[in-house]
Amino acid sequence: SLALALIGNCAVNALVDAQARIVWCCMPRPDADPLFHALLDSPDGI
């Protein structure tokens, strides 16, 4: 569960899993529509 690393720069953020998959990232703001959303659509894993 939540084996994720956070990257960011105080403008955008992303979550990278232990297999180097970016599974969550909202752009151009942290509260925007996600560009990568797999973390929240994972009934059978990523």
All heavy atoms as atom14 arrays in JSON, in Angstrom:
{
  "sequence": "SLALALIGNCAVNALVDAQARIVWCCMPRPDADPLFHALLDSPDGI",
  "atom14_mask": [
    [1, 1, 1, 1, 1, 1, 0, 0, 0, 0, 0, 0, 0, 0],
    [1, 1, 1, 1, 1, 1, 1, 1, 0, 0, 0, 0, 0, 0],
    [1, 1, 1, 1, 1, 0, 0, 0, 0, 0, 0, 0, 0, 0],
    [1, 1, 1, 1, 1, 1, 1, 1, 0, 0, 0, 0, 0, 0],
    [1, 1, 1, 1, 1, 0, 0, 0, 0, 0, 0, 0, 0, 0],
    [1, 1, 1, 1, 1, 1, 1, 1, 0, 0, 0, 0, 0, 0],
    [1, 1, 1, 1, 1, 1, 1, 1, 0, 0, 0, 0, 0, 0],
    [1, 1, 1, 1, 0, 0, 0, 0, 0, 0, 0, 0, 0, 0],
    [1, 1, 1, 1, 1, 1, 1, 1, 0, 0, 0, 0, 0, 0],
    [1, 1, 1, 1, 1, 1, 0, 0, 0, 0, 0, 0, 0, 0],
    [1, 1, 1, 1, 1, 0, 0, 0, 0, 0, 0, 0, 0, 0],
    [1, 1, 1, 1, 1, 1, 1, 0, 0, 0, 0, 0, 0, 0],
    [1, 1, 1, 1, 1, 1, 1, 1, 0, 0, 0, 0, 0, 0],
    [1, 1, 1, 1, 1, 0, 0, 0, 0, 0, 0, 0, 0, 0],
    [1, 1, 1, 1, 1, 1, 1, 1, 0, 0, 0, 0, 0, 0],
    [1, 1, 1, 1, 1, 1, 1, 0, 0, 0, 0, 0, 0, 0],
    [1, 1, 1, 1, 1, 1, 1, 1, 0, 0, 0, 0, 0, 0],
    [1, 1, 1, 1, 1, 0, 0, 0, 0, 0, 0, 0, 0, 0],
    [1, 1, 1, 1, 1, 1, 1, 1, 1, 0, 0, 0, 0, 0],
    [1, 1, 1, 1, 1, 0, 0, 0, 0, 0, 0, 0, 0, 0],
    [1, 1, 1, 1, 1, 1, 1, 1, 1, 1, 1, 0, 0, 0],
    [1, 1, 1, 1, 1, 1, 1, 1, 0, 0, 0, 0, 0, 0],
    [1, 1, 1, 1, 1, 1, 1, 0, 0, 0, 0, 0, 0, 0],
    [1, 1, 1, 1, 1, 1, 1, 1, 1, 1, 1, 1, 1, 1],
    [1, 1, 1, 1, 1, 1, 0, 0, 0, 0, 0, 0, 0, 0],
    [1, 1, 1, 1, 1, 1, 0, 0, 0, 0, 0, 0, 0, 0],
    [1, 1, 1, 1, 1, 1, 1, 1, 0, 0, 0, 0, 0, 0],
    [1, 1, 1, 1, 1, 1, 1, 0, 0, 0, 0, 0, 0, 0],
    [1, 1, 1, 1, 1, 1, 1, 1, 1, 1, 1, 0, 0, 0],
    [1, 1, 1, 1, 1, 1, 1, 0, 0, 0, 0, 0, 0, 0],
    [1, 1, 1, 1, 1, 1, 1, 1, 0, 0, 0, 0, 0, 0],
    [1, 1, 1, 1, 1, 0, 0, 0, 0, 0, 0, 0, 0, 0],
    [1, 1, 1, 1, 1, 1, 1, 1, 0, 0, 0, 0, 0, 0],
    [1, 1, 1, 1, 1, 1, 1, 0, 0, 0, 0, 0, 0, 0],
    [1, 1, 1, 1, 1, 1, 1, 1, 0, 0, 0, 0, 0, 0],
    [1, 1, 1, 1, 1, 1, 1, 1, 1, 1, 1, 0, 0, 0],
    [1, 1, 1, 1, 1, 1, 1, 1, 1, 1, 0, 0, 0, 0],
    [1, 1, 1, 1, 1, 0, 0, 0, 0, 0, 0, 0, 0, 0],
    [1, 1, 1, 1, 1, 1, 1, 1, 0, 0, 0, 0, 0, 0],
    [1, 1, 1, 1, 1, 1, 1, 1, 0, 0, 0, 0, 0, 0],
    [1, 1, 1, 1, 1, 1, 1, 1, 0, 0, 0, 0, 0, 0],
    [1, 1, 1, 1, 1, 1, 0, 0, 0, 0, 0, 0, 0, 0],
    [1, 1, 1, 1, 1, 1, 1, 0, 0, 0, 0, 0, 0, 0],
    [1, 1, 1, 1, 1, 1, 1, 1, 0, 0, 0, 0, 0, 0],
    [1, 1, 1, 1, 0, 0, 0, 0, 0, 0, 0, 0, 0, 0],
    [1, 1, 1, 1, 1, 1, 1, 1, 0, 0, 0, 0, 0, 0]
  ],
  "atom14_positions": [
    [[0.82, -1.19, 0.0], [0.0, 0.0, 0.0], [0.86, 1.26, 0.0], [1.75, 1.41, 0.83], [-0.9, -0.01, 1.24], [-1.58, 1.2, 1.37], [0.0, 0.0, 0.0], [0.0, 0.0, 0.0], [0.0, 0.0, 0.0], [0.0, 0.0, 0.0], [0.0, 0.0, 0.0], [0.0, 0.0, 0.0], [0.0, 0.0, 0.0], [0.0, 0.0, 0.0]],
    [[0.57, 2.14, -0.93], [1.18, 3.47, -0.98], [2.7, 3.42, -0.92], [3.35, 4.21, -0.23], [0.61, 4.34, 0.15], [-0.9, 4.58, 0.05], [-1.41, 5.36, 1.24], [-1.27, 5.28, -1.26], [0.0, 0.0, 0.0], [0.0, 0.0, 0.0], [0.0, 0.0, 0.0], [0.0, 0.0, 0.0], [0.0, 0.0, 0.0], [0.0, 0.0, 0.0]],
    [[3.29, 2.49, -1.68], [4.75, 2.45, -1.85], [5.11, 3.44, -2.95], [5.45, 3.07, -4.08], [5.21, 1.04, -2.19], [0.0, 0.0, 0.0], [0.0, 0.0, 0.0], [0.0, 0.0, 0.0], [0.0, 0.0, 0.0], [0.0, 0.0, 0.0], [0.0, 0.0, 0.0], [0.0, 0.0, 0.0], [0.0, 0.0, 0.0], [0.0, 0.0, 0.0]],
    [[5.03, 4.71, -2.61], [5.16, 5.78, -3.58], [6.16, 6.82, -3.09], [6.27, 7.08, -1.88], [3.81, 6.48, -3.79], [2.63, 5.58, -4.2], [1.33, 6.36, -4.08], [2.83, 5.09, -5.64], [0.0, 0.0, 0.0], [0.0, 0.0, 0.0], [0.0, 0.0, 0.0], [0.0, 0.0, 0.0], [0.0, 0.0, 0.0], [0.0, 0.0, 0.0]],
    [[6.88, 7.43, -4.03], [7.77, 8.54, -3.72], [7.18, 9.81, -4.33], [6.6, 9.79, -5.41], [9.17, 8.28, -4.3], [0.0, 0.0, 0.0], [0.0, 0.0, 0.0], [0.0, 0.0, 0.0], [0.0, 0.0, 0.0], [0.0, 0.0, 0.0], [0.0, 0.0, 0.0], [0.0, 0.0, 0.0], [0.0, 0.0, 0.0], [0.0, 0.0, 0.0]],
    [[7.34, 10.92, -3.61], [6.83, 12.2, -4.06], [7.96, 13.01, -4.71], [9.04, 13.14, -4.14], [6.27, 12.99, -2.87], [5.87, 14.44, -3.14], [4.64, 14.5, -4.05], [5.59, 15.18, -1.83], [0.0, 0.0, 0.0], [0.0, 0.0, 0.0], [0.0, 0.0, 0.0], [0.0, 0.0, 0.0], [0.0, 0.0, 0.0], [0.0, 0.0, 0.0]],
    [[7.69, 13.54, -5.9], [8.59, 14.52, -6.51], [7.78, 15.79, -6.75], [6.55, 15.76, -6.81], [9.22, 14.03, -7.82], [8.13, 13.67, -8.86], [10.12, 12.83, -7.56], [8.68, 13.36, -10.24], [0.0, 0.0, 0.0], [0.0, 0.0, 0.0], [0.0, 0.0, 0.0], [0.0, 0.0, 0.0], [0.0, 0.0, 0.0], [0.0, 0.0, 0.0]],
    [[8.46, 16.93, -6.88], [7.76, 18.17, -7.11], [8.7, 19.35, -7.05], [9.91, 19.2, -6.79], [0.0, 0.0, 0.0], [0.0, 0.0, 0.0], [0.0, 0.0, 0.0], [0.0, 0.0, 0.0], [0.0, 0.0, 0.0], [0.0, 0.0, 0.0], [0.0, 0.0, 0.0], [0.0, 0.0, 0.0], [0.0, 0.0, 0.0], [0.0, 0.0, 0.0]],
    [[8.13, 20.54, -7.23], [8.95, 21.75, -7.23], [8.2, 22.97, -6.71], [8.57, 24.1, -7.01], [9.5, 22.02, -8.64], [8.4, 22.26, -9.67], [7.21, 22.24, -9.36], [8.81, 22.48, -10.92], [0.0, 0.0, 0.0], [0.0, 0.0, 0.0], [0.0, 0.0, 0.0], [0.0, 0.0, 0.0], [0.0, 0.0, 0.0], [0.0, 0.0, 0.0]],
    [[7.14, 22.77, -5.95], [6.3, 23.84, -5.4], [5.44, 24.49, -6.48], [4.89, 25.57, -6.27], [7.11, 24.88, -4.64], [8.05, 24.21, -3.25], [0.0, 0.0, 0.0], [0.0, 0.0, 0.0], [0.0, 0.0, 0.0], [0.0, 0.0, 0.0], [0.0, 0.0, 0.0], [0.0, 0.0, 0.0], [0.0, 0.0, 0.0], [0.0, 0.0, 0.0]],
    [[5.33, 23.83, -7.62], [4.37, 24.21, -8.65], [3.52, 23.01, -9.03], [2.3, 23.11, -9.14], [5.08, 24.77, -9.89], [0.0, 0.0, 0.0], [0.0, 0.0, 0.0], [0.0, 0.0, 0.0], [0.0, 0.0, 0.0], [0.0, 0.0, 0.0], [0.0, 0.0, 0.0], [0.0, 0.0, 0.0], [0.0, 0.0, 0.0], [0.0, 0.0, 0.0]],
    [[4.17, 21.86, -9.24], [3.47, 20.61, -9.54], [4.09, 19.49, -8.7], [5.21, 19.61, -8.2], [3.57, 20.24, -11.04], [2.81, 21.25, -11.88], [5.01, 20.14, -11.49], [0.0, 0.0, 0.0], [0.0, 0.0, 0.0], [0.0, 0.0, 0.0], [0.0, 0.0, 0.0], [0.0, 0.0, 0.0], [0.0, 0.0, 0.0], [0.0, 0.0, 0.0]],
    [[3.34, 18.42, -8.55], [3.79, 17.23, -7.83], [3.47, 15.99, -8.64], [2.56, 16.01, -9.49], [3.11, 17.12, -6.46], [3.53, 18.21, -5.51], [4.71, 18.37, -5.24], [2.57, 18.96, -4.99], [0.0, 0.0, 0.0], [0.0, 0.0, 0.0], [0.0, 0.0, 0.0], [0.0, 0.0, 0.0], [0.0, 0.0, 0.0], [0.0, 0.0, 0.0]],
    [[4.17, 14.91, -8.35], [3.85, 13.62, -8.95], [4.25, 12.52, -7.97], [5.14, 12.71, -7.12], [4.59, 13.43, -10.27], [0.0, 0.0, 0.0], [0.0, 0.0, 0.0], [0.0, 0.0, 0.0], [0.0, 0.0, 0.0], [0.0, 0.0, 0.0], [0.0, 0.0, 0.0], [0.0, 0.0, 0.0], [0.0, 0.0, 0.0], [0.0, 0.0, 0.0]],
    [[3.58, 11.38, -8.08], [3.87, 10.21, -7.27], [4.42, 9.11, -8.17], [3.81, 8.77, -9.19], [2.63, 9.72, -6.53], [2.07, 10.7, -5.48], [0.75, 10.17, -4.91], [3.08, 10.95, -4.36], [0.0, 0.0, 0.0], [0.0, 0.0, 0.0], [0.0, 0.0, 0.0], [0.0, 0.0, 0.0], [0.0, 0.0, 0.0], [0.0, 0.0, 0.0]],
    [[5.56, 8.57, -7.78], [6.27, 7.55, -8.55], [6.3, 6.27, -7.73], [6.75, 6.28, -6.58], [7.72, 8.0, -8.85], [8.4, 7.01, -9.79], [7.74, 9.42, -9.45], [0.0, 0.0, 0.0], [0.0, 0.0, 0.0], [0.0, 0.0, 0.0], [0.0, 0.0, 0.0], [0.0, 0.0, 0.0], [0.0, 0.0, 0.0], [0.0, 0.0, 0.0]],
    [[5.84, 5.17, -8.3], [5.82, 3.93, -7.53], [7.18, 3.23, -7.6], [8.12, 3.7, -8.24], [4.66, 3.02, -7.94], [4.85, 2.3, -9.26], [5.95, 2.4, -9.87], [3.91, 1.62, -9.7], [0.0, 0.0, 0.0], [0.0, 0.0, 0.0], [0.0, 0.0, 0.0], [0.0, 0.0, 0.0], [0.0, 0.0, 0.0], [0.0, 0.0, 0.0]],
    [[7.29, 2.11, -6.92], [8.58, 1.43, -6.76], [9.08, 0.79, -8.04], [10.22, 0.33, -8.1], [8.48, 0.37, -5.66], [0.0, 0.0, 0.0], [0.0, 0.0, 0.0], [0.0, 0.0, 0.0], [0.0, 0.0, 0.0], [0.0, 0.0, 0.0], [0.0, 0.0, 0.0], [0.0, 0.0, 0.0], [0.0, 0.0, 0.0], [0.0, 0.0, 0.0]],
    [[8.25, 0.76, -9.1], [8.68, 0.29, -10.41], [8.83, 1.45, -11.39], [8.78, 1.26, -12.61], [7.68, -0.74, -10.96], [7.72, -2.08, -10.25], [7.07, -2.0, -8.88], [5.93, -1.55, -8.73], [7.78, -2.43, -7.85], [0.0, 0.0, 0.0], [0.0, 0.0, 0.0], [0.0, 0.0, 0.0], [0.0, 0.0, 0.0], [0.0, 0.0, 0.0]],
    [[9.02, 2.64, -10.85], [9.28, 3.85, -11.65], [8.11, 4.22, -12.55], [8.29, 4.79, -13.62], [10.57, 3.71, -12.46], [0.0, 0.0, 0.0], [0.0, 0.0, 0.0], [0.0, 0.0, 0.0], [0.0, 0.0, 0.0], [0.0, 0.0, 0.0], [0.0, 0.0, 0.0], [0.0, 0.0, 0.0], [0.0, 0.0, 0.0], [0.0, 0.0, 0.0]],
    [[6.89, 3.93, -12.11], [5.72, 4.37, -12.86], [5.16, 5.63, -12.2], [4.9, 5.63, -10.99], [4.65, 3.28, -12.87], [5.06, 2.01, -13.58], [4.03, 0.9, -13.44], [3.89, 0.46, -12.05], [3.23, -0.64, -11.69], [2.67, -1.41, -12.62], [3.14, -0.98, -10.42], [0.0, 0.0, 0.0], [0.0, 0.0, 0.0], [0.0, 0.0, 0.0]],
    [[5.0, 6.68, -12.97], [4.32, 7.87, -12.46], [2.83, 7.57, -12.53], [2.25, 7.43, -13.62], [4.69, 9.12, -13.29], [6.19, 9.4, -13.17], [3.88, 10.32, -12.81], [6.67, 10.54, -14.06], [0.0, 0.0, 0.0], [0.0, 0.0, 0.0], [0.0, 0.0, 0.0], [0.0, 0.0, 0.0], [0.0, 0.0, 0.0], [0.0, 0.0, 0.0]],
    [[2.21, 7.47, -11.36], [0.83, 7.01, -11.29], [-0.14, 8.11, -10.87], [-1.35, 7.91, -10.87], [0.7, 5.82, -10.31], [1.52, 4.64, -10.8], [1.12, 6.22, -8.89], [0.0, 0.0, 0.0], [0.0, 0.0, 0.0], [0.0, 0.0, 0.0], [0.0, 0.0, 0.0], [0.0, 0.0, 0.0], [0.0, 0.0, 0.0], [0.0, 0.0, 0.0]],
    [[0.41, 9.28, -10.52], [-0.45, 10.4, -10.14], [0.3, 11.7, -10.41], [1.43, 11.88, -9.95], [-0.83, 10.32, -8.67], [-1.72, 11.44, -8.21], [-1.36, 12.51, -7.43], [-3.1, 11.61, -8.5], [-2.44, 13.33, -7.23], [-3.53, 12.81, -7.88], [-4.02, 10.88, -9.24], [-4.84, 13.28, -7.96], [-5.33, 11.34, -9.33], [-5.73, 12.52, -8.69]],
    [[-0.33, 12.6, -11.14], [0.25, 13.92, -11.38], [-0.84, 14.84, -11.91], [-1.49, 14.52, -12.92], [1.4, 13.86, -12.38], [2.07, 15.49, -12.79], [0.0, 0.0, 0.0], [0.0, 0.0, 0.0], [0.0, 0.0, 0.0], [0.0, 0.0, 0.0], [0.0, 0.0, 0.0], [0.0, 0.0, 0.0], [0.0, 0.0, 0.0], [0.0, 0.0, 0.0]],
    [[-1.06, 15.93, -11.23], [-2.02, 16.94, -11.67], [-1.26, 18.14, -12.23], [-0.32, 18.63, -11.61], [-2.91, 17.39, -10.51], [-3.93, 16.07, -9.81], [0.0, 0.0, 0.0], [0.0, 0.0, 0.0], [0.0, 0.0, 0.0], [0.0, 0.0, 0.0], [0.0, 0.0, 0.0], [0.0, 0.0, 0.0], [0.0, 0.0, 0.0], [0.0, 0.0, 0.0]],
    [[-1.66, 18.59, -13.39], [-1.05, 19.75, -14.04], [-2.15, 20.64, -14.62], [-3.18, 20.14, -15.05], [-0.1, 19.29, -15.15], [1.24, 18.79, -14.69], [2.37, 18.71, -16.1], [3.85, 18.05, -15.34], [0.0, 0.0, 0.0], [0.0, 0.0, 0.0], [0.0, 0.0, 0.0], [0.0, 0.0, 0.0], [0.0, 0.0, 0.0], [0.0, 0.0, 0.0]],
    [[-1.91, 21.98, -14.61], [-0.69, 22.69, -14.21], [-0.65, 23.08, -12.75], [0.28, 23.76, -12.32], [-0.75, 23.94, -15.09], [-2.22, 24.23, -15.2], [-2.88, 22.88, -15.26], [0.0, 0.0, 0.0], [0.0, 0.0, 0.0], [0.0, 0.0, 0.0], [0.0, 0.0, 0.0], [0.0, 0.0, 0.0], [0.0, 0.0, 0.0], [0.0, 0.0, 0.0]],
    [[-1.69, 22.67, -11.97], [-1.71, 22.95, -10.53], [-2.0, 21.66, -9.79], [-2.56, 20.73, -10.36], [-2.81, 23.98, -10.19], [-2.67, 25.29, -10.86], [-3.65, 26.37, -10.42], [-4.75, 26.0, -9.54], [-5.57, 26.9, -8.98], [-5.4, 28.19, -9.21], [-6.57, 26.52, -8.21], [0.0, 0.0, 0.0], [0.0, 0.0, 0.0], [0.0, 0.0, 0.0]],
    [[-1.67, 21.62, -8.5], [-1.92, 20.39, -7.74], [-3.39, 20.02, -7.61], [-3.7, 18.87, -7.3], [-1.32, 20.71, -6.35], [-0.34, 21.8, -6.6], [-0.89, 22.61, -7.72], [0.0, 0.0, 0.0], [0.0, 0.0, 0.0], [0.0, 0.0, 0.0], [0.0, 0.0, 0.0], [0.0, 0.0, 0.0], [0.0, 0.0, 0.0], [0.0, 0.0, 0.0]],
    [[-4.31, 20.97, -7.84], [-5.74, 20.68, -7.72], [-6.41, 20.52, -9.08], [-7.64, 20.51, -9.17], [-6.43, 21.77, -6.92], [-6.27, 23.16, -7.55], [-5.49, 23.29, -8.51], [-6.93, 24.11, -7.07], [0.0, 0.0, 0.0], [0.0, 0.0, 0.0], [0.0, 0.0, 0.0], [0.0, 0.0, 0.0], [0.0, 0.0, 0.0], [0.0, 0.0, 0.0]],
    [[-5.6, 20.37, -10.13], [-6.14, 20.29, -11.49], [-6.55, 18.86, -11.84], [-6.32, 17.9, -11.09], [-5.1, 20.8, -12.48], [0.0, 0.0, 0.0], [0.0, 0.0, 0.0], [0.0, 0.0, 0.0], [0.0, 0.0, 0.0], [0.0, 0.0, 0.0], [0.0, 0.0, 0.0], [0.0, 0.0, 0.0], [0.0, 0.0, 0.0], [0.0, 0.0, 0.0]],
    [[-7.17, 18.74, -13.0], [-7.45, 17.44, -13.61], [-6.13, 16.67, -13.73], [-5.15, 17.2, -14.25], [-8.06, 17.7, -14.98], [-8.39, 16.45, -15.77], [-8.34, 15.34, -15.2], [-8.69, 16.58, -16.97], [0.0, 0.0, 0.0], [0.0, 0.0, 0.0], [0.0, 0.0, 0.0], [0.0, 0.0, 0.0], [0.0, 0.0, 0.0], [0.0, 0.0, 0.0]],
    [[-6.06, 15.42, -13.26], [-4.78, 14.7, -13.32], [-4.37, 14.36, -14.75], [-5.18, 13.89, -15.55], [-5.03, 13.44, -12.5], [-6.51, 13.24, -12.53], [-7.1, 14.62, -12.59], [0.0, 0.0, 0.0], [0.0, 0.0, 0.0], [0.0, 0.0, 0.0], [0.0, 0.0, 0.0], [0.0, 0.0, 0.0], [0.0, 0.0, 0.0], [0.0, 0.0, 0.0]],
    [[-3.1, 14.6, -15.02], [-2.52, 14.17, -16.28], [-2.26, 12.67, -16.25], [-2.41, 11.98, -17.27], [-1.22, 14.95, -16.53], [-0.55, 14.82, -17.88], [-1.45, 15.35, -18.98], [0.78, 15.58, -17.87], [0.0, 0.0, 0.0], [0.0, 0.0, 0.0], [0.0, 0.0, 0.0], [0.0, 0.0, 0.0], [0.0, 0.0, 0.0], [0.0, 0.0, 0.0]],
    [[-1.86, 12.17, -15.08], [-1.69, 10.73, -14.86], [-2.54, 10.37, -13.64], [-2.35, 10.93, -12.56], [-0.22, 10.37, -14.63], [0.66, 10.71, -15.8], [1.58, 11.74, -15.73], [0.54, 10.0, -16.99], [2.38, 12.06, -16.81], [1.34, 10.31, -18.09], [2.26, 11.35, -18.01], [0.0, 0.0, 0.0], [0.0, 0.0, 0.0], [0.0, 0.0, 0.0]],
    [[-3.45, 9.42, -13.81], [-4.46, 9.16, -12.79], [-4.55, 7.69, -12.38], [-5.46, 7.31, -11.65], [-5.84, 9.57, -13.33], [-6.39, 8.61, -14.35], [-5.9, 8.52, -15.63], [-7.37, 7.66, -14.26], [-6.56, 7.58, -16.3], [-7.45, 7.04, -15.48], [0.0, 0.0, 0.0], [0.0, 0.0, 0.0], [0.0, 0.0, 0.0], [0.0, 0.0, 0.0]],
    [[-3.63, 6.85, -12.81], [-3.77, 5.39, -12.62], [-3.94, 5.01, -11.16], [-4.56, 3.99, -10.85], [-2.56, 4.68, -13.21], [0.0, 0.0, 0.0], [0.0, 0.0, 0.0], [0.0, 0.0, 0.0], [0.0, 0.0, 0.0], [0.0, 0.0, 0.0], [0.0, 0.0, 0.0], [0.0, 0.0, 0.0], [0.0, 0.0, 0.0], [0.0, 0.0, 0.0]],
    [[-3.4, 5.8, -10.23], [-3.53, 5.48, -8.8], [-4.99, 5.37, -8.4], [-5.34, 4.55, -7.54], [-2.82, 6.55, -7.97], [-2.79, 6.34, -6.46], [-1.92, 5.13, -6.1], [-2.28, 7.59, -5.75], [0.0, 0.0, 0.0], [0.0, 0.0, 0.0], [0.0, 0.0, 0.0], [0.0, 0.0, 0.0], [0.0, 0.0, 0.0], [0.0, 0.0, 0.0]],
    [[-5.85, 6.17, -9.01], [-7.26, 6.18, -8.64], [-8.13, 5.39, -9.6], [-9.36, 5.53, -9.59], [-7.77, 7.62, -8.56], [-7.22, 8.47, -7.41], [-7.95, 9.79, -7.32], [-7.3, 7.74, -6.08], [0.0, 0.0, 0.0], [0.0, 0.0, 0.0], [0.0, 0.0, 0.0], [0.0, 0.0, 0.0], [0.0, 0.0, 0.0], [0.0, 0.0, 0.0]],
    [[-7.51, 4.54, -10.39], [-8.27, 3.64, -11.26], [-7.55, 2.29, -11.27], [-7.08, 1.83, -12.3], [-8.37, 4.22, -12.68], [-9.42, 3.51, -13.52], [-10.3, 2.83, -12.94], [-9.36, 3.62, -14.76], [0.0, 0.0, 0.0], [0.0, 0.0, 0.0], [0.0, 0.0, 0.0], [0.0, 0.0, 0.0], [0.0, 0.0, 0.0], [0.0, 0.0, 0.0]],
    [[-7.47, 1.7, -10.07], [-6.61, 0.53, -9.88], [-7.32, -0.62, -9.18], [-6.83, -1.15, -8.18], [-5.36, 0.94, -9.08], [-5.73, 1.59, -7.87], [0.0, 0.0, 0.0], [0.0, 0.0, 0.0], [0.0, 0.0, 0.0], [0.0, 0.0, 0.0], [0.0, 0.0, 0.0], [0.0, 0.0, 0.0], [0.0, 0.0, 0.0], [0.0, 0.0, 0.0]],
    [[-8.48, -1.07, -9.7], [-9.17, -2.19, -9.05], [-8.38, -3.48, -9.1], [-8.54, -4.34, -8.23], [-10.49, -2.29, -9.82], [-10.2, -1.68, -11.15], [-9.23, -0.57, -10.87], [0.0, 0.0, 0.0], [0.0, 0.0, 0.0], [0.0, 0.0, 0.0], [0.0, 0.0, 0.0], [0.0, 0.0, 0.0], [0.0, 0.0, 0.0], [0.0, 0.0, 0.0]],
    [[-7.55, -3.64, -10.13], [-6.74, -4.85, -10.28], [-5.25, -4.52, -10.29], [-4.46, -5.19, -10.96], [-7.13, -5.56, -11.58], [-8.6, -5.92, -11.64], [-9.09, -6.55, -10.68], [-9.26, -5.55, -12.62], [0.0, 0.0, 0.0], [0.0, 0.0, 0.0], [0.0, 0.0, 0.0], [0.0, 0.0, 0.0], [0.0, 0.0, 0.0], [0.0, 0.0, 0.0]],
    [[-4.87, -3.5, -9.56], [-3.49, -3.04, -9.58], [-3.31, -1.93, -10.6], [-4.24, -1.56, -11.33], [0.0, 0.0, 0.0], [0.0, 0.0, 0.0], [0.0, 0.0, 0.0], [0.0, 0.0, 0.0], [0.0, 0.0, 0.0], [0.0, 0.0, 0.0], [0.0, 0.0, 0.0], [0.0, 0.0, 0.0], [0.0, 0.0, 0.0], [0.0, 0.0, 0.0]],
    [[-2.11, -1.41, -10.66], [-1.82, -0.3, -11.57], [-1.8, -0.8, -13.01], [-1.02, -1.68, -13.36], [-0.48, 0.37, -11.21], [-0.54, 0.94, -9.8], [-0.14, 1.44, -12.24], [-1.54, 2.06, -9.62], [0.0, 0.0, 0.0], [0.0, 0.0, 0.0], [0.0, 0.0, 0.0], [0.0, 0.0, 0.0], [0.0, 0.0, 0.0], [0.0, 0.0, 0.0]]
  ]
}
